[in-house]
């Protein structure tokens, strides 16, 4: 764990990759700033799955290869995998906070962020702030 790690959510990937998305410029500025600071970007396989699904659902299949290229070529992006222990920790988190409308993928992200000591996230999803994390995209 490094203190300066930042989590990247699916909405940030979507906004970064889709030039006519309303948050494209803020996402691009934020991610480029983090890269210039050489901060390590952390995401999960569940977030990548959610990002691909979102792109395809919105008719943007042609952008999917760019996401995978970004994932494979970036020196600053690390993919954390949701193995069995993280899956069940996310289940427990979801059940404990069932009064919130967190998605299961949100809960896997929260578990990874807590495990790695990450407080900052590139997202516009209010659920991260509800769960006690600091959104860098919203604060721009």
Protein backbone atom coordinates (compact mmCIF):
# COMPACT_ATOMS: atom_id res chain seq x y z
CA UNK A 1 0.00 0.00 0.00
CA UNK A 2 1.13 3.49 -0.79
CA UNK A 3 -0.45 6.48 0.88
CA UNK A 4 -0.99 8.20 -2.42
CA UNK A 5 -2.90 5.43 -4.16
CA UNK A 6 -6.19 6.48 -5.76
CA UNK A 7 -9.11 4.24 -6.68
CA UNK A 8 -10.72 4.65 -10.12
CA UNK A 9 -14.43 3.85 -10.51
CA UNK A 10 -16.26 2.83 -13.69
CA UNK A 11 -17.87 6.25 -14.12
CA UNK A 12 -14.42 7.83 -14.28
CA UNK A 13 -13.27 5.38 -16.95
CA UNK A 14 -16.46 6.03 -18.92
CA UNK A 15 -16.13 9.81 -18.67
CA UNK A 16 -12.44 9.68 -19.59
CA UNK A 17 -13.03 7.50 -22.66
CA UNK A 18 -16.19 9.14 -24.03
CA UNK A 19 -15.36 12.61 -25.31
CA UNK A 20 -18.95 13.90 -25.36
CA UNK A 21 -19.71 12.72 -21.81
CA UNK A 22 -20.49 15.72 -19.56
CA UNK A 23 -17.70 14.80 -17.12
CA UNK A 24 -15.12 14.05 -19.81
CA UNK A 25 -12.97 17.15 -19.26
CA UNK A 26 -12.98 16.93 -15.44
CA UNK A 27 -12.17 13.20 -15.58
CA UNK A 28 -9.42 13.73 -18.14
CA UNK A 29 -7.92 16.61 -16.13
CA UNK A 30 -8.08 14.66 -12.88
CA UNK A 31 -6.55 11.46 -14.27
CA UNK A 32 -3.79 13.33 -16.13
CA UNK A 33 -3.00 15.31 -12.97
CA UNK A 34 -2.76 12.10 -10.94
CA UNK A 35 -0.52 10.56 -13.60
CA UNK A 36 1.75 13.63 -13.58
CA UNK A 37 2.02 13.26 -9.79
CA UNK A 38 2.92 9.60 -10.40
CA UNK A 39 0.13 8.46 -8.13
CA UNK A 40 -0.75 4.81 -8.53
CA UNK A 41 -4.28 4.22 -9.81
CA UNK A 42 -6.09 1.20 -8.41
CA UNK A 43 -9.19 -0.46 -9.84
CA UNK A 44 -10.71 -3.93 -9.79
CA UNK A 45 -11.77 -6.56 -12.26
CA UNK A 46 -15.37 -5.85 -11.21
CA UNK A 47 -14.94 -2.16 -12.12
CA UNK A 48 -13.50 -3.12 -15.50
CA UNK A 49 -16.44 -5.47 -16.06
CA UNK A 50 -18.87 -2.71 -15.11
CA UNK A 51 -17.06 -0.26 -17.43
CA UNK A 52 -17.19 -2.61 -20.41
CA UNK A 53 -20.85 -3.37 -19.73
CA UNK A 54 -21.65 0.36 -19.53
CA UNK A 55 -19.85 1.11 -22.80
CA UNK A 56 -21.61 -1.74 -24.61
CA UNK A 57 -25.03 -0.87 -23.13
CA UNK A 58 -24.67 2.69 -24.41
CA UNK A 59 -23.73 1.54 -27.92
CA UNK A 60 -20.02 2.33 -27.59
CA UNK A 61 -18.52 -1.09 -28.23
CA UNK A 62 -15.87 0.50 -30.42
CA UNK A 63 -14.34 2.12 -27.31
CA UNK A 64 -13.97 -1.17 -25.39
CA UNK A 65 -10.56 -2.03 -26.94
CA UNK A 66 -9.25 1.35 -25.77
CA UNK A 67 -10.24 0.52 -22.18
CA UNK A 68 -8.41 -2.81 -22.32
CA UNK A 69 -5.41 -1.14 -23.93
CA UNK A 70 -5.37 1.45 -21.13
CA UNK A 71 -5.55 -1.33 -18.56
CA UNK A 72 -2.71 -3.32 -20.12
CA UNK A 73 -0.34 -0.50 -21.03
CA UNK A 74 -0.60 1.97 -18.18
CA UNK A 75 2.37 2.02 -15.85
CA UNK A 76 0.24 3.67 -13.18
CA UNK A 77 -2.88 1.47 -13.24
CA UNK A 78 -3.06 -1.65 -11.07
CA UNK A 79 -5.97 -4.09 -11.23
CA UNK A 80 -6.92 -5.75 -7.97
CA UNK A 81 -8.86 -8.99 -8.36
CA UNK A 82 -11.96 -9.88 -6.38
CA UNK A 83 -11.08 -13.30 -5.02
CA UNK A 84 -13.21 -15.37 -2.69
CA UNK A 85 -12.18 -13.53 0.49
CA UNK A 86 -12.98 -10.13 -1.00
CA UNK A 87 -16.26 -11.42 -2.44
CA UNK A 88 -17.48 -12.55 0.97
CA UNK A 89 -16.21 -9.37 2.66
CA UNK A 90 -18.21 -7.36 0.09
CA UNK A 91 -21.26 -9.53 0.76
CA UNK A 92 -20.91 -8.85 4.48
CA UNK A 93 -20.50 -5.10 3.85
CA UNK A 94 -23.60 -5.08 1.64
CA UNK A 95 -25.70 -6.93 4.18
CA UNK A 96 -24.48 -4.72 7.03
CA UNK A 97 -25.36 -1.58 5.04
CA UNK A 98 -28.48 -2.91 3.35
CA UNK A 99 -30.30 0.35 4.17
CA UNK A 100 -28.14 2.05 1.48
CA UNK A 101 -28.60 1.50 -2.22
CA UNK A 102 -24.99 0.43 -2.79
CA UNK A 103 -24.44 -1.95 -5.67
CA UNK A 104 -22.50 -5.12 -5.02
CA UNK A 105 -19.70 -3.74 -7.20
CA UNK A 106 -19.63 -0.61 -5.01
CA UNK A 107 -19.18 -2.88 -1.99
CA UNK A 108 -16.31 -4.78 -3.62
CA UNK A 109 -14.66 -1.41 -4.28
CA UNK A 110 -15.17 -0.28 -0.68
CA UNK A 111 -13.64 -3.53 0.61
CA UNK A 112 -10.56 -3.17 -1.61
CA UNK A 113 -10.15 0.49 -0.71
CA UNK A 114 -10.39 -0.25 3.01
CA UNK A 115 -7.99 -3.17 2.70
CA UNK A 116 -5.41 -1.05 0.86
CA UNK A 117 -5.94 2.07 2.97
CA UNK A 118 -7.16 4.17 0.02
CA UNK A 119 -9.26 7.24 0.83
CA UNK A 120 -9.33 9.04 -2.54
CA UNK A 121 -11.43 7.91 -5.50
CA UNK A 122 -12.01 9.26 -9.00
CA UNK A 123 -15.78 9.04 -9.28
CA UNK A 124 -18.97 11.03 -9.44
CA UNK A 125 -20.85 8.28 -7.60
CA UNK A 126 -22.16 9.68 -4.31
CA UNK A 127 -22.07 6.22 -2.74
CA UNK A 128 -18.32 6.49 -2.24
CA UNK A 129 -18.74 9.67 -0.22
CA UNK A 130 -21.58 8.07 1.76
CA UNK A 131 -19.19 5.23 2.61
CA UNK A 132 -16.56 7.69 3.88
CA UNK A 133 -14.26 8.13 0.88
CA UNK A 134 -13.19 11.38 -0.81
CA UNK A 135 -14.20 11.86 -4.43
CA UNK A 136 -11.57 13.74 -6.43
CA UNK A 137 -13.83 14.10 -9.46
CA UNK A 138 -16.66 15.73 -7.53
CA UNK A 139 -14.27 18.13 -5.81
CA UNK A 140 -13.02 19.62 -9.09
